[in-house]
N, C-alpha and C. Protein backbone atom coordinates (compact mmCIF):
# COMPACT_ATOMS: atom_id res chain seq x y z
N MET A 1 -21.68 -8.89 2.82
CA MET A 1 -21.26 -7.81 2.10
C MET A 1 -19.68 -7.39 2.42
N LYS A 2 -19.32 -7.67 3.62
CA LYS A 2 -17.91 -7.44 4.09
C LYS A 2 -16.88 -8.20 3.39
N SER A 3 -17.43 -9.54 3.22
CA SER A 3 -16.44 -10.41 2.48
C SER A 3 -16.25 -10.12 1.03
N MET A 4 -17.31 -9.50 0.47
CA MET A 4 -17.26 -9.34 -0.95
C MET A 4 -16.30 -8.00 -1.06
N MET A 5 -16.36 -7.12 -0.12
CA MET A 5 -15.49 -5.90 -0.14
C MET A 5 -14.25 -6.22 0.06
N ALA A 6 -13.80 -7.19 1.10
CA ALA A 6 -12.46 -7.65 1.15
C ALA A 6 -12.00 -8.24 -0.01
N THR A 7 -12.76 -9.08 -0.84
CA THR A 7 -12.37 -9.83 -1.85
C THR A 7 -11.95 -8.72 -3.14
N ALA A 8 -12.93 -7.67 -3.28
CA ALA A 8 -12.54 -6.72 -4.17
C ALA A 8 -11.38 -5.75 -3.82
N ALA A 9 -11.16 -5.68 -2.55
CA ALA A 9 -10.00 -4.83 -2.14
C ALA A 9 -8.62 -5.53 -2.30
N ALA A 10 -8.78 -6.86 -2.09
CA ALA A 10 -7.53 -7.65 -2.44
C ALA A 10 -7.15 -7.61 -3.94
N ALA A 11 -8.36 -7.79 -4.79
CA ALA A 11 -8.12 -7.89 -6.14
C ALA A 11 -7.56 -6.58 -6.77
N ALA A 12 -8.05 -5.60 -6.22
CA ALA A 12 -7.67 -4.15 -6.57
C ALA A 12 -6.28 -3.79 -6.32
N VAL A 13 -5.85 -4.35 -5.09
CA VAL A 13 -4.54 -4.05 -4.58
C VAL A 13 -3.44 -4.94 -5.53
N GLY A 14 -3.87 -6.26 -5.73
CA GLY A 14 -3.28 -7.10 -6.37
C GLY A 14 -2.84 -6.49 -7.80
N MET A 15 -4.05 -6.16 -8.50
CA MET A 15 -3.80 -5.58 -9.77
C MET A 15 -3.12 -4.40 -9.88
N ALA A 16 -3.14 -3.60 -8.82
CA ALA A 16 -2.31 -2.22 -8.75
C ALA A 16 -0.94 -2.65 -8.56
N VAL A 17 -0.62 -3.57 -7.60
CA VAL A 17 0.92 -3.86 -7.45
C VAL A 17 1.39 -4.65 -8.67
N GLY A 18 0.69 -5.42 -9.32
CA GLY A 18 1.09 -6.14 -10.52
C GLY A 18 1.44 -5.01 -11.91
N ALA A 19 0.54 -4.08 -11.81
CA ALA A 19 0.78 -3.09 -12.85
C ALA A 19 1.95 -2.25 -12.56
N ALA A 20 2.25 -1.88 -11.24
CA ALA A 20 3.41 -0.88 -10.93
C ALA A 20 4.67 -1.81 -11.19
N VAL A 21 4.66 -3.17 -10.94
CA VAL A 21 5.87 -4.04 -11.23
C VAL A 21 6.12 -4.17 -12.65
N MET A 22 5.22 -4.28 -13.37
CA MET A 22 5.35 -4.21 -14.96
C MET A 22 5.88 -2.96 -15.43
N TYR A 23 5.30 -1.86 -14.91
CA TYR A 23 5.59 -0.48 -15.28
C TYR A 23 7.06 -0.26 -14.96
N ALA A 24 7.52 -0.62 -13.69
CA ALA A 24 8.68 -0.09 -13.23
C ALA A 24 9.95 -1.45 -13.52
N GLY A 25 9.42 -2.37 -14.34
CA GLY A 25 10.38 -3.52 -14.57
C GLY A 25 11.62 -3.02 -15.24
N GLY A 26 11.53 -2.03 -16.13
CA GLY A 26 12.80 -1.46 -16.57
C GLY A 26 13.61 -0.44 -16.02
N ALA A 27 12.97 0.14 -14.73
CA ALA A 27 13.61 1.09 -14.06
C ALA A 27 14.39 0.41 -12.92
N GLY A 28 15.23 1.24 -12.06
CA GLY A 28 16.02 0.67 -11.16
C GLY A 28 15.20 0.21 -10.04
N HIS A 29 15.74 -0.50 -8.92
CA HIS A 29 15.14 -1.02 -7.88
C HIS A 29 14.43 0.05 -7.08
N ARG A 30 15.09 1.20 -6.75
CA ARG A 30 14.57 2.21 -6.04
C ARG A 30 13.33 2.89 -6.64
N GLN A 31 13.28 2.93 -7.88
CA GLN A 31 12.22 3.47 -8.78
C GLN A 31 10.92 2.54 -8.67
N MET A 32 11.32 1.18 -8.74
CA MET A 32 10.28 0.23 -8.61
C MET A 32 9.59 0.32 -7.28
N ARG A 33 10.22 0.26 -6.22
CA ARG A 33 9.81 0.34 -4.97
C ARG A 33 8.81 1.65 -4.76
N ARG A 34 9.30 2.78 -5.23
CA ARG A 34 8.55 4.00 -5.20
C ARG A 34 7.18 3.94 -5.81
N SER A 35 7.39 3.24 -7.18
CA SER A 35 6.23 3.14 -7.85
C SER A 35 5.07 2.22 -7.28
N ILE A 36 5.63 1.23 -6.58
CA ILE A 36 4.91 0.19 -5.90
C ILE A 36 4.11 0.89 -4.81
N ARG A 37 4.85 1.59 -4.02
CA ARG A 37 4.31 2.46 -3.00
C ARG A 37 3.20 3.33 -3.34
N GLN A 38 3.64 4.13 -4.34
CA GLN A 38 2.49 5.12 -4.79
C GLN A 38 1.31 4.42 -5.39
N VAL A 39 1.30 3.38 -6.17
CA VAL A 39 0.04 2.62 -6.48
C VAL A 39 -0.73 2.05 -5.30
N ALA A 40 0.17 1.46 -4.46
CA ALA A 40 -0.62 0.83 -3.20
C ALA A 40 -1.29 1.92 -2.33
N ARG A 41 -0.78 3.02 -2.20
CA ARG A 41 -1.56 4.08 -1.63
C ARG A 41 -2.69 4.52 -2.26
N GLY A 42 -2.49 4.65 -3.66
CA GLY A 42 -3.64 4.94 -4.42
C GLY A 42 -4.70 3.98 -4.42
N ALA A 43 -4.43 2.75 -4.53
CA ALA A 43 -5.51 1.66 -4.34
C ALA A 43 -6.08 1.68 -2.90
N GLU A 44 -5.22 1.93 -1.99
CA GLU A 44 -6.00 1.92 -0.49
C GLU A 44 -6.76 3.07 -0.37
N LYS A 45 -6.54 4.32 -1.03
CA LYS A 45 -7.47 5.45 -0.90
C LYS A 45 -8.67 5.31 -1.77
N ALA A 46 -8.59 4.53 -2.83
CA ALA A 46 -9.76 4.29 -3.71
C ALA A 46 -10.78 3.34 -2.90
N MET A 47 -10.20 2.15 -2.13
CA MET A 47 -10.97 1.35 -1.47
C MET A 47 -11.56 2.11 -0.37
N LEU A 48 -10.85 2.89 0.42
CA LEU A 48 -11.47 3.81 1.51
C LEU A 48 -12.68 4.57 0.92
N ASP A 49 -12.53 5.23 -0.25
CA ASP A 49 -13.67 5.99 -0.74
C ASP A 49 -14.75 5.24 -1.12
N LEU A 50 -14.53 4.06 -1.74
CA LEU A 50 -15.61 2.92 -1.90
C LEU A 50 -16.27 2.64 -0.82
N ASP A 51 -15.53 2.25 0.34
CA ASP A 51 -16.14 1.94 1.62
C ASP A 51 -17.18 3.02 2.04
N ARG A 52 -16.62 4.31 2.11
CA ARG A 52 -17.40 5.37 2.40
C ARG A 52 -18.65 5.60 1.59
N MET A 53 -18.54 5.24 0.32
CA MET A 53 -19.76 5.49 -0.38
C MET A 53 -20.79 4.41 -0.09
N VAL A 54 -20.21 3.26 -0.01
CA VAL A 54 -21.24 2.09 0.46
C VAL A 54 -21.83 2.40 1.75
N GLU A 55 -21.30 2.82 2.79
CA GLU A 55 -21.71 3.07 3.98
C GLU A 55 -22.86 4.27 4.00
N LYS A 56 -22.52 5.18 3.04
CA LYS A 56 -23.72 6.32 2.95
C LYS A 56 -24.66 5.76 2.24
N PHE A 57 -24.51 4.97 1.30
CA PHE A 57 -25.63 4.31 0.64
C PHE A 57 -26.49 3.52 1.36
N ILE A 58 -25.89 2.66 2.27
CA ILE A 58 -26.73 1.89 3.34
C ILE A 58 -27.26 2.56 4.20
N ASN A 59 -26.67 3.45 4.75
CA ASN A 59 -27.41 4.22 5.88
C ASN A 59 -28.04 5.35 5.30
């Protein structure tokens, strides 16, 4: 179960970073870094929320 969560987390973060790079491609370097950081934080928060929900479901 943990390896599946790790794989899903890596995929979610990878997709989020890829989307941020594509979105910010036309913007400046500083804006691109800011966008990537925001998306990465959002993806991390989503994975933590998912982990909590799974823990509550299991226990």
